[in-house]
Amino acid sequence: MGDIKIRKLEPSDYKSIYELNCALGYEYPKEKTKQRIRYILENTEHIILVAELTDEIVGYIHASPYETLYSDSVCQAVWQ
C-alpha cells in the first residue's frame, strides 16, 4: 500500500467527489457538483483538501467559516 497524498481540490476532481458522495448516500447531481466546486474554489474563505492513494481520490475535507450567535467564529469540518 502506498502513501496517502494530501493536496488542494482541483476543478477536474469533480467526478471523484461525486462518486465519493454517492457512496456515502449523497446523490447530488454530477453537473451540479462540478458547478459547486467551481463556485466554492472561487471563494477564498473555503478550503477543500483531497486524499489520494495510488492516484485515486479516497477522501476529502471541506472547511469554511461557521458563524454562530453563541461563540466567536469557528471552522466546521466534515470528514468524508
C-alpha atoms as a PDB file:
ATOM      1  CA  MET A   1       0.000   0.000   0.000  1.00  0.00           C
ATOM      2  CA  GLY A   2       1.364   3.438  -0.933  1.00  0.00           C
ATOM      3  CA  ASP A   3       1.430   6.697   0.946  1.00  0.00           C
ATOM      4  CA  ILE A   4      -1.594   8.949   1.092  1.00  0.00           C
ATOM      5  CA  LYS A   5      -1.015  12.282  -0.636  1.00  0.00           C
ATOM      6  CA  ILE A   6      -2.929  15.373   0.547  1.00  0.00           C
ATOM      7  CA  ARG A   7      -3.496  18.228  -1.906  1.00  0.00           C
ATOM      8  CA  LYS A   8      -5.920  21.024  -2.704  1.00  0.00           C
ATOM      9  CA  LEU A   9      -9.022  20.157  -4.685  1.00  0.00           C
ATOM     10  CA  GLU A  10      -8.917  20.939  -8.406  1.00  0.00           C
ATOM     11  CA  PRO A  11     -11.972  21.533 -10.629  1.00  0.00           C
ATOM     12  CA  SER A  12     -11.157  18.360 -12.572  1.00  0.00           C
ATOM     13  CA  ASP A  13     -11.689  16.289  -9.391  1.00  0.00           C
ATOM     14  CA  TYR A  14     -15.470  16.690  -9.555  1.00  0.00           C
ATOM     15  CA  LYS A  15     -16.137  13.145 -10.849  1.00  0.00           C
ATOM     16  CA  SER A  16     -14.254  11.571  -7.946  1.00  0.00           C
ATOM     17  CA  ILE A  17     -16.003  13.839  -5.431  1.00  0.00           C
ATOM     18  CA  TYR A  18     -19.366  12.941  -6.974  1.00  0.00           C
ATOM     19  CA  GLU A  19     -18.574   9.207  -6.706  1.00  0.00           C
ATOM     20  CA  LEU A  20     -17.449   9.533  -3.070  1.00  0.00           C
ATOM     21  CA  ASN A  21     -20.600  11.466  -2.191  1.00  0.00           C
ATOM     22  CA  CYS A  22     -22.796   8.833  -3.870  1.00  0.00           C
ATOM     23  CA  ALA A  23     -21.013   6.071  -1.948  1.00  0.00           C
ATOM     24  CA  LEU A  24     -21.924   7.940   1.249  1.00  0.00           C
ATOM     25  CA  GLY A  25     -25.572   8.307   0.203  1.00  0.00           C
ATOM     26  CA  TYR A  26     -25.409  11.926  -1.024  1.00  0.00           C
ATOM     27  CA  GLU A  27     -26.538  11.695  -4.642  1.00  0.00           C
ATOM     28  CA  TYR A  28     -26.237  15.362  -5.646  1.00  0.00           C
ATOM     29  CA  PRO A  29     -26.189  15.596  -9.486  1.00  0.00           C
ATOM     30  CA  LYS A  30     -22.737  15.311 -11.090  1.00  0.00           C
ATOM     31  CA  GLU A  31     -23.068  18.536 -13.093  1.00  0.00           C
ATOM     32  CA  LYS A  32     -24.195  20.454 -10.006  1.00  0.00           C
ATOM     33  CA  THR A  33     -21.234  19.012  -8.087  1.00  0.00           C
ATOM     34  CA  LYS A  34     -18.960  20.380 -10.808  1.00  0.00           C
ATOM     35  CA  GLN A  35     -20.622  23.812 -10.603  1.00  0.00           C
ATOM     36  CA  ARG A  36     -20.467  23.892  -6.771  1.00  0.00           C
ATOM     37  CA  ILE A  37     -16.772  23.020  -6.813  1.00  0.00           C
ATOM     38  CA  ARG A  38     -16.034  25.883  -9.185  1.00  0.00           C
ATOM     39  CA  TYR A  39     -18.107  28.280  -7.065  1.00  0.00           C
ATOM     40  CA  ILE A  40     -16.512  27.165  -3.800  1.00  0.00           C
ATOM     41  CA  LEU A  41     -12.967  27.321  -5.191  1.00  0.00           C
ATOM     42  CA  GLU A  42     -13.576  30.961  -6.133  1.00  0.00           C
ATOM     43  CA  ASN A  43     -14.485  31.726  -2.507  1.00  0.00           C
ATOM     44  CA  THR A  44     -11.258  32.202  -0.547  1.00  0.00           C
ATOM     45  CA  GLU A  45     -12.978  31.501   2.774  1.00  0.00           C
ATOM     46  CA  HIS A  46     -13.343  27.831   1.831  1.00  0.00           C
ATOM     47  CA  ILE A  47     -10.675  25.165   1.640  1.00  0.00           C
ATOM     48  CA  ILE A  48     -11.108  21.658   0.276  1.00  0.00           C
ATOM     49  CA  LEU A  49      -8.327  19.104   0.523  1.00  0.00           C
ATOM     50  CA  VAL A  50      -8.376  15.673  -1.083  1.00  0.00           C
ATOM     51  CA  ALA A  51      -6.606  12.488  -0.036  1.00  0.00           C
ATOM     52  CA  GLU A  52      -5.114  10.416  -2.853  1.00  0.00           C
ATOM     53  CA  LEU A  53      -3.928   6.833  -2.673  1.00  0.00           C
ATOM     54  CA  THR A  54      -2.227   5.450  -5.782  1.00  0.00           C
ATOM     55  CA  ASP A  55      -3.558   8.392  -7.835  1.00  0.00           C
ATOM     56  CA  GLU A  56      -7.165   7.796  -6.756  1.00  0.00           C
ATOM     57  CA  ILE A  57      -9.099  10.229  -4.568  1.00  0.00           C
ATOM     58  CA  VAL A  58     -10.168   8.270  -1.499  1.00  0.00           C
ATOM     59  CA  GLY A  59     -11.453  11.106   0.694  1.00  0.00           C
ATOM     60  CA  TYR A  60     -11.790  14.836   1.158  1.00  0.00           C
ATOM     61  CA  ILE A  61     -12.315  17.516   3.767  1.00  0.00           C
ATOM     62  CA  HIS A  62     -14.154  20.800   3.261  1.00  0.00           C
ATOM     63  CA  ALA A  63     -13.704  23.598   5.785  1.00  0.00           C
ATOM     64  CA  SER A  64     -15.262  27.050   5.864  1.00  0.00           C
ATOM     65  CA  PRO A  65     -16.062  29.725   8.452  1.00  0.00           C
ATOM     66  CA  TYR A  66     -19.120  28.974  10.510  1.00  0.00           C
ATOM     67  CA  GLU A  67     -20.794  31.891  12.277  1.00  0.00           C
ATOM     68  CA  THR A  68     -22.874  31.367  15.395  1.00  0.00           C
ATOM     69  CA  LEU A  69     -24.753  33.516  17.873  1.00  0.00           C
ATOM     70  CA  TYR A  70     -23.217  31.753  20.865  1.00  0.00           C
ATOM     71  CA  SER A  71     -19.438  31.923  20.212  1.00  0.00           C
ATOM     72  CA  ASP A  72     -16.731  33.547  18.153  1.00  0.00           C
ATOM     73  CA  SER A  73     -16.273  32.335  14.586  1.00  0.00           C
ATOM     74  CA  VAL A  74     -15.332  28.697  14.268  1.00  0.00           C
ATOM     75  CA  CYS A  75     -14.333  26.456  11.402  1.00  0.00           C
ATOM     76  CA  GLN A  76     -16.540  23.417  10.918  1.00  0.00           C
ATOM     77  CA  ALA A  77     -15.038  20.434   9.123  1.00  0.00           C
ATOM     78  CA  VAL A  78     -16.962  17.445   7.815  1.00  0.00           C
ATOM     79  CA  TRP A  79     -14.863  14.341   7.145  1.00  0.00           C
ATOM     80  CA  GLN A  80     -15.792  12.162   4.209  1.00  0.00           C
END
